All heavy atoms as atom14 arrays in JSON, in Angstrom:
{
  "sequence": "DSINEAEWDKSLLDGAGIYAMIRNEIMSAMYP",
  "atom14_mask": [
    [1, 1, 1, 1, 1, 1, 1, 1, 0, 0, 0, 0, 0, 0],
    [1, 1, 1, 1, 1, 1, 0, 0, 0, 0, 0, 0, 0, 0],
    [1, 1, 1, 1, 1, 1, 1, 1, 0, 0, 0, 0, 0, 0],
    [1, 1, 1, 1, 1, 1, 1, 1, 0, 0, 0, 0, 0, 0],
    [1, 1, 1, 1, 1, 1, 1, 1, 1, 0, 0, 0, 0, 0],
    [1, 1, 1, 1, 1, 0, 0, 0, 0, 0, 0, 0, 0, 0],
    [1, 1, 1, 1, 1, 1, 1, 1, 1, 0, 0, 0, 0, 0],
    [1, 1, 1, 1, 1, 1, 1, 1, 1, 1, 1, 1, 1, 1],
    [1, 1, 1, 1, 1, 1, 1, 1, 0, 0, 0, 0, 0, 0],
    [1, 1, 1, 1, 1, 1, 1, 1, 1, 0, 0, 0, 0, 0],
    [1, 1, 1, 1, 1, 1, 0, 0, 0, 0, 0, 0, 0, 0],
    [1, 1, 1, 1, 1, 1, 1, 1, 0, 0, 0, 0, 0, 0],
    [1, 1, 1, 1, 1, 1, 1, 1, 0, 0, 0, 0, 0, 0],
    [1, 1, 1, 1, 1, 1, 1, 1, 0, 0, 0, 0, 0, 0],
    [1, 1, 1, 1, 0, 0, 0, 0, 0, 0, 0, 0, 0, 0],
    [1, 1, 1, 1, 1, 0, 0, 0, 0, 0, 0, 0, 0, 0],
    [1, 1, 1, 1, 0, 0, 0, 0, 0, 0, 0, 0, 0, 0],
    [1, 1, 1, 1, 1, 1, 1, 1, 0, 0, 0, 0, 0, 0],
    [1, 1, 1, 1, 1, 1, 1, 1, 1, 1, 1, 1, 0, 0],
    [1, 1, 1, 1, 1, 0, 0, 0, 0, 0, 0, 0, 0, 0],
    [1, 1, 1, 1, 1, 1, 1, 1, 0, 0, 0, 0, 0, 0],
    [1, 1, 1, 1, 1, 1, 1, 1, 0, 0, 0, 0, 0, 0],
    [1, 1, 1, 1, 1, 1, 1, 1, 1, 1, 1, 0, 0, 0],
    [1, 1, 1, 1, 1, 1, 1, 1, 0, 0, 0, 0, 0, 0],
    [1, 1, 1, 1, 1, 1, 1, 1, 1, 0, 0, 0, 0, 0],
    [1, 1, 1, 1, 1, 1, 1, 1, 0, 0, 0, 0, 0, 0],
    [1, 1, 1, 1, 1, 1, 1, 1, 0, 0, 0, 0, 0, 0],
    [1, 1, 1, 1, 1, 1, 0, 0, 0, 0, 0, 0, 0, 0],
    [1, 1, 1, 1, 1, 0, 0, 0, 0, 0, 0, 0, 0, 0],
    [1, 1, 1, 1, 1, 1, 1, 1, 0, 0, 0, 0, 0, 0],
    [1, 1, 1, 1, 1, 1, 1, 1, 1, 1, 1, 1, 0, 0],
    [1, 1, 1, 1, 1, 1, 1, 0, 0, 0, 0, 0, 0, 0]
  ],
  "atom14_positions": [
    [[7.59, -5.08, 2.61], [8.87, -4.64, 2.2], [8.89, -4.07, 0.78], [9.63, -3.26, 0.43], [9.91, -5.84, 2.21], [10.23, -6.22, 3.53], [10.18, -5.4, 4.54], [10.47, -7.34, 3.77], [0.0, 0.0, 0.0], [0.0, 0.0, 0.0], [0.0, 0.0, 0.0], [0.0, 0.0, 0.0], [0.0, 0.0, 0.0], [0.0, 0.0, 0.0]],
    [[7.76, -4.41, -0.02], [7.57, -4.01, -1.32], [6.43, -2.99, -1.39], [5.23, -3.53, -1.04], [7.4, -5.17, -2.29], [6.84, -4.71, -3.45], [0.0, 0.0, 0.0], [0.0, 0.0, 0.0], [0.0, 0.0, 0.0], [0.0, 0.0, 0.0], [0.0, 0.0, 0.0], [0.0, 0.0, 0.0], [0.0, 0.0, 0.0], [0.0, 0.0, 0.0]],
    [[6.6, -1.72, -1.81], [5.4, -0.82, -1.87], [4.43, -1.31, -3.04], [3.23, -1.09, -2.87], [5.99, 0.6, -2.18], [4.88, 1.6, -2.02], [6.49, 0.63, -3.61], [4.28, 1.72, -0.62], [0.0, 0.0, 0.0], [0.0, 0.0, 0.0], [0.0, 0.0, 0.0], [0.0, 0.0, 0.0], [0.0, 0.0, 0.0], [0.0, 0.0, 0.0]],
    [[5.0, -2.1, -4.03], [4.09, -2.59, -5.04], [3.09, -3.67, -4.45], [1.93, -3.54, -4.87], [4.95, -3.21, -6.1], [5.62, -2.28, -6.95], [5.26, -1.08, -6.98], [6.8, -2.58, -7.51], [0.0, 0.0, 0.0], [0.0, 0.0, 0.0], [0.0, 0.0, 0.0], [0.0, 0.0, 0.0], [0.0, 0.0, 0.0], [0.0, 0.0, 0.0]],
    [[3.52, -4.49, -3.57], [2.6, -5.39, -2.97], [1.51, -4.63, -2.07], [0.35, -5.11, -2.1], [3.35, -6.39, -2.05], [4.17, -7.35, -2.98], [5.1, -8.23, -2.09], [4.69, -8.55, -0.94], [6.06, -8.75, -2.57], [0.0, 0.0, 0.0], [0.0, 0.0, 0.0], [0.0, 0.0, 0.0], [0.0, 0.0, 0.0], [0.0, 0.0, 0.0]],
    [[2.04, -3.62, -1.44], [1.12, -2.83, -0.56], [0.05, -2.28, -1.4], [-1.17, -2.19, -1.06], [1.91, -1.78, 0.23], [0.0, 0.0, 0.0], [0.0, 0.0, 0.0], [0.0, 0.0, 0.0], [0.0, 0.0, 0.0], [0.0, 0.0, 0.0], [0.0, 0.0, 0.0], [0.0, 0.0, 0.0], [0.0, 0.0, 0.0], [0.0, 0.0, 0.0]],
    [[0.49, -1.65, -2.5], [-0.45, -0.93, -3.44], [-1.45, -1.96, -4.03], [-2.64, -1.64, -4.19], [0.31, -0.26, -4.49], [1.04, 0.96, -4.18], [0.22, 2.18, -3.92], [-1.09, 2.16, -4.17], [0.74, 3.21, -3.31], [0.0, 0.0, 0.0], [0.0, 0.0, 0.0], [0.0, 0.0, 0.0], [0.0, 0.0, 0.0], [0.0, 0.0, 0.0]],
    [[-1.05, -3.13, -4.35], [-1.84, -4.12, -4.91], [-2.96, -4.54, -3.89], [-4.22, -4.57, -4.27], [-1.16, -5.37, -5.26], [-1.98, -6.44, -5.81], [-2.48, -7.59, -5.05], [-2.63, -6.5, -7.08], [-3.2, -8.29, -5.85], [-3.44, -7.75, -7.18], [-2.5, -5.71, -8.14], [-4.12, -8.09, -8.24], [-3.35, -6.12, -9.39], [-3.98, -7.27, -9.32]],
    [[-2.61, -4.85, -2.66], [-3.49, -5.26, -1.68], [-4.42, -4.0, -1.31], [-5.73, -4.16, -1.11], [-2.77, -5.64, -0.28], [-2.31, -7.1, -0.45], [-2.5, -7.7, -1.51], [-1.71, -7.52, 0.51], [0.0, 0.0, 0.0], [0.0, 0.0, 0.0], [0.0, 0.0, 0.0], [0.0, 0.0, 0.0], [0.0, 0.0, 0.0], [0.0, 0.0, 0.0]],
    [[-4.07, -2.85, -1.29], [-4.78, -1.63, -1.12], [-5.93, -1.6, -2.23], [-7.08, -1.35, -1.92], [-4.03, -0.41, -1.04], [-4.9, 0.86, -0.91], [-4.05, 2.16, -0.98], [-4.92, 3.44, -0.81], [-6.0, 3.55, -1.73], [0.0, 0.0, 0.0], [0.0, 0.0, 0.0], [0.0, 0.0, 0.0], [0.0, 0.0, 0.0], [0.0, 0.0, 0.0]],
    [[-5.49, -1.91, -3.46], [-6.5, -1.78, -4.56], [-7.58, -2.84, -4.42], [-8.69, -2.65, -4.76], [-5.77, -1.94, -5.92], [-5.28, -3.28, -6.07], [0.0, 0.0, 0.0], [0.0, 0.0, 0.0], [0.0, 0.0, 0.0], [0.0, 0.0, 0.0], [0.0, 0.0, 0.0], [0.0, 0.0, 0.0], [0.0, 0.0, 0.0], [0.0, 0.0, 0.0]],
    [[-7.13, -4.1, -3.82], [-8.16, -5.04, -3.63], [-9.22, -4.64, -2.62], [-10.44, -4.82, -2.82], [-7.47, -6.46, -3.13], [-6.52, -7.18, -4.0], [-5.81, -8.3, -3.41], [-7.38, -7.69, -5.22], [0.0, 0.0, 0.0], [0.0, 0.0, 0.0], [0.0, 0.0, 0.0], [0.0, 0.0, 0.0], [0.0, 0.0, 0.0], [0.0, 0.0, 0.0]],
    [[-8.7, -3.98, -1.52], [-9.69, -3.48, -0.54], [-10.47, -2.33, -1.07], [-11.68, -2.28, -0.81], [-8.79, -3.01, 0.66], [-8.14, -4.07, 1.42], [-7.39, -3.6, 2.58], [-8.96, -5.22, 1.88], [0.0, 0.0, 0.0], [0.0, 0.0, 0.0], [0.0, 0.0, 0.0], [0.0, 0.0, 0.0], [0.0, 0.0, 0.0], [0.0, 0.0, 0.0]],
    [[-9.86, -1.44, -1.92], [-10.67, -0.34, -2.41], [-11.8, -0.83, -3.4], [-12.89, -0.45, -3.36], [-9.72, 0.53, -3.34], [-8.91, 1.46, -2.53], [-8.95, 1.59, -1.34], [-7.85, 1.89, -3.07], [0.0, 0.0, 0.0], [0.0, 0.0, 0.0], [0.0, 0.0, 0.0], [0.0, 0.0, 0.0], [0.0, 0.0, 0.0], [0.0, 0.0, 0.0]],
    [[-11.43, -2.03, -4.16], [-12.44, -2.68, -5.03], [-13.58, -3.28, -4.27], [-14.64, -3.38, -4.69], [0.0, 0.0, 0.0], [0.0, 0.0, 0.0], [0.0, 0.0, 0.0], [0.0, 0.0, 0.0], [0.0, 0.0, 0.0], [0.0, 0.0, 0.0], [0.0, 0.0, 0.0], [0.0, 0.0, 0.0], [0.0, 0.0, 0.0], [0.0, 0.0, 0.0]],
    [[-13.28, -3.6, -2.94], [-14.27, -4.27, -2.06], [-15.09, -3.23, -1.35], [-15.92, -3.52, -0.44], [-13.64, -5.25, -1.21], [0.0, 0.0, 0.0], [0.0, 0.0, 0.0], [0.0, 0.0, 0.0], [0.0, 0.0, 0.0], [0.0, 0.0, 0.0], [0.0, 0.0, 0.0], [0.0, 0.0, 0.0], [0.0, 0.0, 0.0], [0.0, 0.0, 0.0]],
    [[-14.72, -1.89, -1.52], [-15.47, -0.82, -0.87], [-14.97, -0.57, 0.58], [-15.61, 0.03, 1.32], [0.0, 0.0, 0.0], [0.0, 0.0, 0.0], [0.0, 0.0, 0.0], [0.0, 0.0, 0.0], [0.0, 0.0, 0.0], [0.0, 0.0, 0.0], [0.0, 0.0, 0.0], [0.0, 0.0, 0.0], [0.0, 0.0, 0.0], [0.0, 0.0, 0.0]],
    [[-13.72, -1.11, 0.89], [-13.13, -0.82, 2.11], [-12.04, 0.29, 2.18], [-11.16, 0.11, 1.28], [-12.46, -2.2, 2.67], [-13.53, -3.23, 2.74], [-11.78, -2.01, 4.06], [-12.89, -4.84, 2.95], [0.0, 0.0, 0.0], [0.0, 0.0, 0.0], [0.0, 0.0, 0.0], [0.0, 0.0, 0.0], [0.0, 0.0, 0.0], [0.0, 0.0, 0.0]],
    [[-12.23, 1.27, 2.97], [-11.27, 2.3, 3.01], [-10.01, 1.75, 3.59], [-9.91, 1.11, 4.58], [-11.71, 3.4, 3.94], [-10.69, 4.39, 4.06], [-10.49, 5.45, 3.16], [-9.84, 4.46, 5.22], [-9.58, 6.47, 3.33], [-8.83, 5.36, 5.42], [-8.62, 6.46, 4.36], [-7.63, 7.35, 4.58], [0.0, 0.0, 0.0], [0.0, 0.0, 0.0]],
    [[-8.85, 2.07, 2.82], [-7.54, 1.6, 3.16], [-6.53, 2.72, 2.79], [-6.78, 3.47, 1.89], [-7.23, 0.26, 2.55], [0.0, 0.0, 0.0], [0.0, 0.0, 0.0], [0.0, 0.0, 0.0], [0.0, 0.0, 0.0], [0.0, 0.0, 0.0], [0.0, 0.0, 0.0], [0.0, 0.0, 0.0], [0.0, 0.0, 0.0], [0.0, 0.0, 0.0]],
    [[-5.47, 2.74, 3.55], [-4.37, 3.72, 3.16], [-3.03, 2.92, 3.48], [-2.95, 2.12, 4.25], [-4.47, 5.04, 3.83], [-4.32, 5.01, 5.27], [-4.44, 6.77, 6.01], [-2.7, 7.26, 5.96], [0.0, 0.0, 0.0], [0.0, 0.0, 0.0], [0.0, 0.0, 0.0], [0.0, 0.0, 0.0], [0.0, 0.0, 0.0], [0.0, 0.0, 0.0]],
    [[-1.95, 3.52, 2.95], [-0.65, 3.06, 3.22], [0.1, 3.99, 3.93], [0.31, 5.16, 3.54], [0.07, 2.61, 1.84], [-0.81, 1.56, 1.06], [1.54, 2.12, 2.17], [-0.2, 1.29, -0.33], [0.0, 0.0, 0.0], [0.0, 0.0, 0.0], [0.0, 0.0, 0.0], [0.0, 0.0, 0.0], [0.0, 0.0, 0.0], [0.0, 0.0, 0.0]],
    [[0.57, 3.55, 5.03], [1.51, 4.41, 5.88], [2.96, 4.18, 5.41], [3.3, 3.02, 5.17], [1.36, 4.17, 7.33], [0.23, 4.76, 7.9], [0.2, 4.54, 9.45], [-1.07, 4.99, 10.03], [-1.43, 4.38, 11.21], [-0.79, 3.54, 11.88], [-2.69, 4.79, 11.71], [0.0, 0.0, 0.0], [0.0, 0.0, 0.0], [0.0, 0.0, 0.0]],
    [[3.86, 5.12, 5.64], [5.24, 4.98, 5.3], [5.6, 4.69, 3.8], [6.53, 4.1, 3.61], [5.91, 3.87, 6.28], [5.76, 4.01, 7.72], [5.66, 5.19, 8.2], [5.66, 3.01, 8.35], [0.0, 0.0, 0.0], [0.0, 0.0, 0.0], [0.0, 0.0, 0.0], [0.0, 0.0, 0.0], [0.0, 0.0, 0.0], [0.0, 0.0, 0.0]],
    [[4.68, 5.08, 3.01], [4.74, 4.7, 1.58], [6.07, 5.26, 0.96], [6.89, 4.41, 0.41], [3.56, 5.23, 0.82], [3.6, 4.85, -0.66], [2.27, 5.21, -1.22], [1.44, 5.96, -0.7], [2.08, 4.81, -2.41], [0.0, 0.0, 0.0], [0.0, 0.0, 0.0], [0.0, 0.0, 0.0], [0.0, 0.0, 0.0], [0.0, 0.0, 0.0]],
    [[6.41, 6.5, 1.21], [7.63, 7.06, 0.65], [8.85, 6.59, 1.39], [9.81, 6.26, 0.71], [7.52, 8.62, 0.57], [6.39, 9.09, -0.32], [8.76, 9.22, 0.28], [5.98, 10.52, -0.29], [0.0, 0.0, 0.0], [0.0, 0.0, 0.0], [0.0, 0.0, 0.0], [0.0, 0.0, 0.0], [0.0, 0.0, 0.0], [0.0, 0.0, 0.0]],
    [[8.82, 6.53, 2.68], [9.92, 6.16, 3.54], [10.35, 4.68, 3.27], [11.5, 4.42, 3.18], [9.6, 6.4, 4.98], [9.2, 7.72, 5.37], [10.59, 8.94, 4.88], [11.64, 8.64, 6.28], [0.0, 0.0, 0.0], [0.0, 0.0, 0.0], [0.0, 0.0, 0.0], [0.0, 0.0, 0.0], [0.0, 0.0, 0.0], [0.0, 0.0, 0.0]],
    [[9.38, 3.87, 3.02], [9.72, 2.49, 2.76], [10.37, 2.31, 1.46], [11.21, 1.38, 1.24], [8.47, 1.63, 2.78], [7.58, 1.81, 1.63], [0.0, 0.0, 0.0], [0.0, 0.0, 0.0], [0.0, 0.0, 0.0], [0.0, 0.0, 0.0], [0.0, 0.0, 0.0], [0.0, 0.0, 0.0], [0.0, 0.0, 0.0], [0.0, 0.0, 0.0]],
    [[10.1, 3.14, 0.51], [10.78, 3.21, -0.77], [12.26, 3.73, -0.71], [13.15, 3.31, -1.45], [9.96, 3.92, -1.83], [0.0, 0.0, 0.0], [0.0, 0.0, 0.0], [0.0, 0.0, 0.0], [0.0, 0.0, 0.0], [0.0, 0.0, 0.0], [0.0, 0.0, 0.0], [0.0, 0.0, 0.0], [0.0, 0.0, 0.0], [0.0, 0.0, 0.0]],
    [[12.39, 4.63, 0.31], [13.8, 5.26, 0.28], [14.79, 4.46, 1.15], [15.92, 4.46, 0.95], [13.64, 6.63, 0.92], [12.87, 7.61, 0.08], [12.55, 9.18, 0.91], [14.0, 9.62, 1.75], [0.0, 0.0, 0.0], [0.0, 0.0, 0.0], [0.0, 0.0, 0.0], [0.0, 0.0, 0.0], [0.0, 0.0, 0.0], [0.0, 0.0, 0.0]],
    [[14.33, 3.78, 2.2], [15.19, 2.96, 3.11], [15.41, 1.59, 2.69], [14.5, 0.96, 2.01], [14.69, 3.1, 4.58], [14.82, 4.43, 5.17], [13.8, 5.37, 5.14], [16.12, 4.71, 5.66], [13.95, 6.65, 5.69], [16.22, 6.08, 6.27], [15.18, 7.02, 6.27], [15.28, 8.23, 6.78], [0.0, 0.0, 0.0], [0.0, 0.0, 0.0]],
    [[16.47, 0.92, 3.17], [16.57, -0.44, 2.8], [15.51, -1.33, 3.35], [14.78, -1.06, 4.33], [17.88, -1.0, 3.52], [18.64, 0.39, 3.77], [17.45, 1.4, 3.94], [0.0, 0.0, 0.0], [0.0, 0.0, 0.0], [0.0, 0.0, 0.0], [0.0, 0.0, 0.0], [0.0, 0.0, 0.0], [0.0, 0.0, 0.0], [0.0, 0.0, 0.0]]
  ]
}
C-alpha cells in the first residue's frame, strides 16, 4: 500500500544482485 516500502524492498533486492521492478508505482500513489 506504500510505495516507500516497495522501493525499500526493491533496493534490498538490487543490493543482492536480484533484478526487481515495481509495477503500478504511479497508480498506487494516485489512488486510495
